[in-house]
Amino acid sequence: EISVRDWSSDVCSSDLLGAIVAATSGLSYYDYLRRNIFSSTGMTHTDFPTKPQVLADSSIAHGYMTQPTGGRVDVTTTPFFPYIGTPAGGAFSSAPDLLRYTTALHSARLLNPAFTHILTTGKQPVAPSDLPSTPSQTQLYGYAHIDAAIGPHRLLWHSGSGPGRANLLEVYPAPDWVVVILSNYDTTIRPIADLARTLITHQ
């Protein structure tokens, strides 16, 4: 059973979903992902490291947060950097690992074909996003991603950002293209995203 009576009202829905995963699986949220997502798809450079692990491991990139003056500061030295990530975000990964995850998901190796279709199909109409700026004819919000149409191309995408980070994952099922953009700066990645989208949709 999951009790929510001790939770404050500002707990986000993703944290609640993470608690459901832990309660139903008998594992911590982190161990469940390690066993059923990261390990099963070969994501060997993806995890939820603790802050001490990030500080001790030189192979883990630090994020750099832009200051009002224009300079940057290592986000690990600020209160914005938590001890460990949460279901709302905070995993560390790599471009090859995200490609492995995407390949496993869309080839129905993580879920059976029926559930894969449900997961990767948009549900609720949303207004066009400003990232990237290439316009789409329609956009539907699915389970943590946008399902969009750009000309003849179908596109599934999700972006994220925060202090010292910006990222984008785009999947073009028909031409079989995957775009992964990972940045340890919080400045915009839109020019890179726009160029990638233009190159793919104007072939």
C-alpha atoms as a PDB file:
ATOM      1  CA  GLU A   1       0.000   0.000   0.000  1.00  0.00           C
ATOM      2  CA  ILE A   2       1.044   3.600  -0.621  1.00  0.00           C
ATOM      3  CA  SER A   3       0.221   6.268   1.892  1.00  0.00           C
ATOM      4  CA  VAL A   4       0.135   9.840   0.642  1.00  0.00           C
ATOM      5  CA  ARG A   5      -1.130  11.493   3.816  1.00  0.00           C
ATOM      6  CA  ASP A   6       2.352  12.521   4.898  1.00  0.00           C
ATOM      7  CA  TRP A   7       3.231  13.967   1.504  1.00  0.00           C
ATOM      8  CA  SER A   8       3.124  17.701   0.933  1.00  0.00           C
ATOM      9  CA  SER A   9       0.783  19.015  -1.744  1.00  0.00           C
ATOM     10  CA  ASP A  10       3.675  20.082  -3.965  1.00  0.00           C
ATOM     11  CA  VAL A  11       4.913  16.524  -4.573  1.00  0.00           C
ATOM     12  CA  CYS A  12       4.842  16.186  -8.341  1.00  0.00           C
ATOM     13  CA  SER A  13       3.033  13.397 -10.131  1.00  0.00           C
ATOM     14  CA  SER A  14       6.268  11.805 -11.337  1.00  0.00           C
ATOM     15  CA  ASP A  15       7.365  11.270  -7.724  1.00  0.00           C
ATOM     16  CA  LEU A  16       4.027   9.596  -7.034  1.00  0.00           C
ATOM     17  CA  LEU A  17       4.507   7.352 -10.051  1.00  0.00           C
ATOM     18  CA  GLY A  18       7.998   6.492  -8.811  1.00  0.00           C
ATOM     19  CA  ALA A  19       6.524   5.532  -5.456  1.00  0.00           C
ATOM     20  CA  ILE A  20       4.001   3.303  -7.212  1.00  0.00           C
ATOM     21  CA  VAL A  21       6.816   1.561  -9.094  1.00  0.00           C
ATOM     22  CA  ALA A  22       8.663   0.934  -5.833  1.00  0.00           C
ATOM     23  CA  ALA A  23       5.574  -0.257  -3.952  1.00  0.00           C
ATOM     24  CA  THR A  24       4.410  -2.668  -6.645  1.00  0.00           C
ATOM     25  CA  SER A  25       7.834  -4.065  -7.547  1.00  0.00           C
ATOM     26  CA  GLY A  26       9.293  -4.416  -4.060  1.00  0.00           C
ATOM     27  CA  LEU A  27      12.415  -2.618  -5.269  1.00  0.00           C
ATOM     28  CA  SER A  28      13.569   0.938  -4.904  1.00  0.00           C
ATOM     29  CA  TYR A  29      12.726   3.105  -7.899  1.00  0.00           C
ATOM     30  CA  TYR A  30      16.431   3.235  -8.766  1.00  0.00           C
ATOM     31  CA  ASP A  31      16.971  -0.524  -8.557  1.00  0.00           C
ATOM     32  CA  TYR A  32      13.855  -1.185 -10.618  1.00  0.00           C
ATOM     33  CA  LEU A  33      15.175   1.003 -13.449  1.00  0.00           C
ATOM     34  CA  ARG A  34      18.654  -0.491 -13.161  1.00  0.00           C
ATOM     35  CA  ARG A  35      17.307  -4.031 -13.460  1.00  0.00           C
ATOM     36  CA  ASN A  36      14.463  -3.584 -15.959  1.00  0.00           C
ATOM     37  CA  ILE A  37      15.605  -0.687 -18.153  1.00  0.00           C
ATOM     38  CA  PHE A  38      19.309   0.083 -17.860  1.00  0.00           C
ATOM     39  CA  SER A  39      20.698  -3.462 -17.624  1.00  0.00           C
ATOM     40  CA  SER A  40      18.191  -5.082 -19.971  1.00  0.00           C
ATOM     41  CA  THR A  41      18.948  -2.608 -22.767  1.00  0.00           C
ATOM     42  CA  GLY A  42      22.721  -2.453 -22.305  1.00  0.00           C
ATOM     43  CA  MET A  43      22.755   1.088 -20.922  1.00  0.00           C
ATOM     44  CA  THR A  44      26.125   0.719 -19.194  1.00  0.00           C
ATOM     45  CA  HIS A  45      26.706   4.456 -18.729  1.00  0.00           C
ATOM     46  CA  THR A  46      23.322   5.372 -17.251  1.00  0.00           C
ATOM     47  CA  ASP A  47      22.477   5.609 -13.562  1.00  0.00           C
ATOM     48  CA  PHE A  48      21.364   7.812 -10.684  1.00  0.00           C
ATOM     49  CA  PRO A  49      24.695   8.612  -9.033  1.00  0.00           C
ATOM     50  CA  THR A  50      24.723  10.346  -5.675  1.00  0.00           C
ATOM     51  CA  LYS A  51      26.317  13.754  -5.313  1.00  0.00           C
ATOM     52  CA  PRO A  52      29.467  12.276  -3.695  1.00  0.00           C
ATOM     53  CA  GLN A  53      29.768   9.860  -6.627  1.00  0.00           C
ATOM     54  CA  VAL A  54      29.457  12.700  -9.130  1.00  0.00           C
ATOM     55  CA  LEU A  55      32.137  14.685  -7.309  1.00  0.00           C
ATOM     56  CA  ALA A  56      34.486  11.695  -7.103  1.00  0.00           C
ATOM     57  CA  ASP A  57      34.130  10.381 -10.672  1.00  0.00           C
ATOM     58  CA  SER A  58      35.887  12.489 -13.309  1.00  0.00           C
ATOM     59  CA  SER A  59      34.064  10.626 -16.100  1.00  0.00           C
ATOM     60  CA  ILE A  60      30.724  12.163 -15.025  1.00  0.00           C
ATOM     61  CA  ALA A  61      30.150  15.585 -16.569  1.00  0.00           C
ATOM     62  CA  HIS A  62      29.292  18.486 -14.287  1.00  0.00           C
ATOM     63  CA  GLY A  63      26.592  20.911 -15.304  1.00  0.00           C
ATOM     64  CA  TYR A  64      27.387  24.627 -15.558  1.00  0.00           C
ATOM     65  CA  MET A  65      24.658  27.049 -14.623  1.00  0.00           C
ATOM     66  CA  THR A  66      24.485  30.416 -16.362  1.00  0.00           C
ATOM     67  CA  GLN A  67      24.665  33.406 -14.041  1.00  0.00           C
ATOM     68  CA  PRO A  68      22.827  36.733 -14.475  1.00  0.00           C
ATOM     69  CA  THR A  69      26.215  38.335 -15.144  1.00  0.00           C
ATOM     70  CA  GLY A  70      26.842  35.956 -18.037  1.00  0.00           C
ATOM     71  CA  GLY A  71      29.371  33.707 -16.328  1.00  0.00           C
ATOM     72  CA  ARG A  72      28.845  30.081 -15.354  1.00  0.00           C
ATOM     73  CA  VAL A  73      29.153  28.170 -12.106  1.00  0.00           C
ATOM     74  CA  ASP A  74      29.487  24.430 -11.497  1.00  0.00           C
ATOM     75  CA  VAL A  75      25.971  23.399 -10.495  1.00  0.00           C
ATOM     76  CA  THR A  76      27.305  20.799  -8.033  1.00  0.00           C
ATOM     77  CA  THR A  77      28.414  23.695  -5.813  1.00  0.00           C
ATOM     78  CA  THR A  78      24.886  25.132  -5.627  1.00  0.00           C
ATOM     79  CA  PRO A  79      21.690  24.179  -3.755  1.00  0.00           C
ATOM     80  CA  PHE A  80      20.148  23.243  -7.120  1.00  0.00           C
ATOM     81  CA  PHE A  81      22.137  19.997  -7.196  1.00  0.00           C
ATOM     82  CA  PRO A  82      20.378  17.287  -5.128  1.00  0.00           C
ATOM     83  CA  TYR A  83      21.967  14.390  -3.299  1.00  0.00           C
ATOM     84  CA  ILE A  84      20.405  12.062  -5.883  1.00  0.00           C
ATOM     85  CA  GLY A  85      17.933  12.424  -8.728  1.00  0.00           C
ATOM     86  CA  THR A  86      14.251  11.604  -8.458  1.00  0.00           C
ATOM     87  CA  PRO A  87      11.595  10.118 -10.748  1.00  0.00           C
ATOM     88  CA  ALA A  88      11.117  13.681 -12.011  1.00  0.00           C
ATOM     89  CA  GLY A  89      14.667  13.672 -13.403  1.00  0.00           C
ATOM     90  CA  GLY A  90      18.314  13.469 -12.453  1.00  0.00           C
ATOM     91  CA  ALA A  91      19.616  10.345 -14.182  1.00  0.00           C
ATOM     92  CA  PHE A  92      22.964  10.640 -15.921  1.00  0.00           C
ATOM     93  CA  SER A  93      23.272   9.028 -19.342  1.00  0.00           C
ATOM     94  CA  SER A  94      25.114   9.148 -22.660  1.00  0.00           C
ATOM     95  CA  ALA A  95      24.089   9.477 -26.287  1.00  0.00           C
ATOM     96  CA  PRO A  96      24.913   5.825 -27.119  1.00  0.00           C
ATOM     97  CA  ASP A  97      22.878   4.641 -24.137  1.00  0.00           C
ATOM     98  CA  LEU A  98      19.863   6.718 -25.122  1.00  0.00           C
ATOM     99  CA  LEU A  99      20.097   5.232 -28.603  1.00  0.00           C
ATOM    100  CA  ARG A 100      20.124   1.755 -27.050  1.00  0.00           C
ATOM    101  CA  TYR A 101      17.039   2.620 -24.997  1.00  0.00           C
ATOM    102  CA  THR A 102      15.224   4.048 -28.029  1.00  0.00           C
ATOM    103  CA  THR A 103      16.050   1.005 -30.152  1.00  0.00           C
ATOM    104  CA  ALA A 104      14.840  -1.374 -27.449  1.00  0.00           C
ATOM    105  CA  LEU A 105      11.609   0.562 -26.907  1.00  0.00           C
ATOM    106  CA  HIS A 106      10.636   0.888 -30.552  1.00  0.00           C
ATOM    107  CA  SER A 107      11.529  -2.705 -31.381  1.00  0.00           C
ATOM    108  CA  ALA A 108       9.146  -3.860 -28.604  1.00  0.00           C
ATOM    109  CA  ARG A 109      11.905  -5.360 -26.473  1.00  0.00           C
ATOM    110  CA  LEU A 110      10.893  -3.403 -23.374  1.00  0.00           C
ATOM    111  CA  LEU A 111       7.133  -3.872 -23.781  1.00  0.00           C
ATOM    112  CA  ASN A 112       5.015  -6.088 -25.974  1.00  0.00           C
ATOM    113  CA  PRO A 113       3.908  -4.541 -29.308  1.00  0.00           C
ATOM    114  CA  ALA A 114       0.448  -3.544 -28.035  1.00  0.00           C
ATOM    115  CA  PHE A 115       1.767  -1.657 -25.016  1.00  0.00           C
ATOM    116  CA  THR A 116       4.597  -0.181 -27.087  1.00  0.00           C
ATOM    117  CA  HIS A 117       1.965   1.265 -29.426  1.00  0.00           C
ATOM    118  CA  ILE A 118      -0.012   2.695 -26.516  1.00  0.00           C
ATOM    119  CA  LEU A 119       3.091   4.240 -24.968  1.00  0.00           C
ATOM    120  CA  THR A 120       4.353   5.829 -28.170  1.00  0.00           C
ATOM    121  CA  THR A 121       1.056   7.215 -29.460  1.00  0.00           C
ATOM    122  CA  GLY A 122      -0.055  10.783 -28.695  1.00  0.00           C
ATOM    123  CA  LYS A 123      -3.239  11.339 -26.732  1.00  0.00           C
ATOM    124  CA  GLN A 124      -3.976  14.998 -25.969  1.00  0.00           C
ATOM    125  CA  PRO A 125      -3.676  17.885 -28.498  1.00  0.00           C
ATOM    126  CA  VAL A 126      -1.168  20.523 -27.415  1.00  0.00           C
ATOM    127  CA  ALA A 127      -0.048  23.849 -28.830  1.00  0.00           C
ATOM    128  CA  PRO A 128       3.117  23.832 -30.983  1.00  0.00           C
ATOM    129  CA  SER A 129       6.278  23.940 -28.921  1.00  0.00           C
ATOM    130  CA  ASP A 130       9.072  26.415 -29.427  1.00  0.00           C
ATOM    131  CA  LEU A 131      11.731  23.693 -29.343  1.00  0.00           C
ATOM    132  CA  PRO A 132      12.740  23.125 -32.050  1.00  0.00           C
ATOM    133  CA  SER A 133      11.262  25.909 -34.158  1.00  0.00           C
ATOM    134  CA  THR A 134      10.480  23.851 -37.269  1.00  0.00           C
ATOM    135  CA  PRO A 135       6.670  23.986 -37.366  1.00  0.00           C
ATOM    136  CA  SER A 136       4.533  20.880 -37.143  1.00  0.00           C
ATOM    137  CA  GLN A 137       1.019  20.433 -38.486  1.00  0.00           C
ATOM    138  CA  THR A 138      -0.216  18.809 -35.290  1.00  0.00           C
ATOM    139  CA  GLN A 139       1.112  17.783 -31.912  1.00  0.00           C
ATOM    140  CA  LEU A 140      -0.304  15.349 -29.375  1.00  0.00           C
ATOM    141  CA  TYR A 141       1.001  14.785 -25.870  1.00  0.00           C
ATOM    142  CA  GLY A 142       1.567  11.134 -25.047  1.00  0.00           C
ATOM    143  CA  TYR A 143       3.239   9.455 -22.109  1.00  0.00           C
ATOM    144  CA  ALA A 144       6.091  11.904 -21.455  1.00  0.00           C
ATOM    145  CA  HIS A 145       6.644  12.760 -25.098  1.00  0.00           C
ATOM    146  CA  ILE A 146       5.198  14.727 -28.004  1.00  0.00           C
ATOM    147  CA  ASP A 147       3.818  12.905 -31.047  1.00  0.00           C
ATOM    148  CA  ALA A 148       4.059  15.338 -33.969  1.00  0.00           C
ATOM    149  CA  ALA A 149       3.730  15.497 -37.762  1.00  0.00           C
ATOM    150  CA  ILE A 150       6.206  17.493 -39.839  1.00  0.00           C
ATOM    151  CA  GLY A 151       5.268  17.222 -43.495  1.00  0.00           C
ATOM    152  CA  PRO A 152       5.218  13.501 -44.268  1.00  0.00           C
ATOM    153  CA  HIS A 153       7.294  12.667 -41.204  1.00  0.00           C
ATOM    154  CA  ARG A 154       6.060  11.427 -37.849  1.00  0.00           C
ATOM    155  CA  LEU A 155       8.186  12.581 -34.931  1.00  0.00           C
ATOM    156  CA  LEU A 156       8.260  11.516 -31.268  1.00  0.00           C
ATOM    157  CA  TRP A 157      10.245  13.820 -29.036  1.00  0.00           C
ATOM    158  CA  HIS A 158      10.935  14.895 -25.479  1.00  0.00           C
ATOM    159  CA  SER A 159      13.113  17.689 -24.139  1.00  0.00           C
ATOM    160  CA  GLY A 160      14.352  18.642 -20.708  1.00  0.00           C
ATOM    161  CA  SER A 161      16.294  21.412 -19.059  1.00  0.00           C
ATOM    162  CA  GLY A 162      17.289  22.786 -15.697  1.00  0.00           C
ATOM    163  CA  PRO A 163      20.235  24.409 -13.939  1.00  0.00           C
ATOM    164  CA  GLY A 164      23.322  23.246 -15.813  1.00  0.00           C
ATOM    165  CA  ARG A 165      21.628  20.996 -18.330  1.00  0.00           C
ATOM    166  CA  ALA A 166      19.615  20.903 -21.562  1.00  0.00           C
ATOM    167  CA  ASN A 167      18.686  17.866 -23.631  1.00  0.00           C
ATOM    168  CA  LEU A 168      16.527  16.577 -26.451  1.00  0.00           C
ATOM    169  CA  LEU A 169      15.595  13.130 -27.747  1.00  0.00           C
ATOM    170  CA  GLU A 170      13.851  12.887 -31.130  1.00  0.00           C
ATOM    171  CA  VAL A 171      12.735   9.696 -32.874  1.00  0.00           C
ATOM    172  CA  TYR A 172      11.674   9.579 -36.537  1.00  0.00           C
ATOM    173  CA  PRO A 173      10.162   6.063 -36.895  1.00  0.00           C
ATOM    174  CA  ALA A 174       9.697   6.036 -40.681  1.00  0.00           C
ATOM    175  CA  PRO A 175      13.137   7.196 -41.849  1.00  0.00           C
ATOM    176  CA  ASP A 176      14.613   5.446 -38.777  1.00  0.00           C
ATOM    177  CA  TRP A 177      16.516   8.431 -37.399  1.00  0.00           C
ATOM    178  CA  VAL A 178      17.251   9.200 -33.758  1.00  0.00           C
ATOM    179  CA  VAL A 179      18.555  12.559 -32.564  1.00  0.00           C
ATOM    180  CA  VAL A 180      20.171  12.849 -29.127  1.00  0.00           C
ATOM    181  CA  ILE A 181      21.377  16.219 -27.873  1.00  0.00           C
ATOM    182  CA  LEU A 182      22.935  16.396 -24.415  1.00  0.00           C
ATOM    183  CA  SER A 183      24.421  19.561 -22.965  1.00  0.00           C
ATOM    184  CA  ASN A 184      25.930  20.316 -19.576  1.00  0.00           C
ATOM    185  CA  TYR A 185      25.124  24.015 -20.073  1.00  0.00           C
ATOM    186  CA  ASP A 186      21.662  25.473 -19.559  1.00  0.00           C
ATOM    187  CA  THR A 187      21.944  27.771 -22.559  1.00  0.00           C
ATOM    188  CA  THR A 188      19.612  26.982 -25.447  1.00  0.00           C
ATOM    189  CA  ILE A 189      20.236  23.965 -27.675  1.00  0.00           C
ATOM    190  CA  ARG A 190      17.624  25.168 -30.139  1.00  0.00           C
ATOM    191  CA  PRO A 191      20.028  26.001 -33.017  1.00  0.00           C
ATOM    192  CA  ILE A 192      21.417  22.447 -32.907  1.00  0.00           C
ATOM    193  CA  ALA A 193      17.923  20.962 -32.677  1.00  0.00           C
ATOM    194  CA  ASP A 194      16.678  23.103 -35.560  1.00  0.00           C
ATOM    195  CA  LEU A 195      19.578  22.065 -37.777  1.00  0.00           C
ATOM    196  CA  ALA A 196      19.066  18.366 -37.044  1.00  0.00           C
ATOM    197  CA  ARG A 197      15.345  18.591 -37.717  1.00  0.00           C
ATOM    198  CA  THR A 198      15.890  20.494 -40.957  1.00  0.00           C
ATOM    199  CA  LEU A 199      18.463  18.004 -42.238  1.00  0.00           C
ATOM    200  CA  ILE A 200      16.167  15.058 -41.560  1.00  0.00           C
ATOM    201  CA  THR A 201      12.823  16.471 -42.719  1.00  0.00           C
ATOM    202  CA  HIS A 202      14.175  18.057 -45.914  1.00  0.00           C
ATOM    203  CA  GLN A 203      15.888  14.978 -47.339  1.00  0.00           C
END
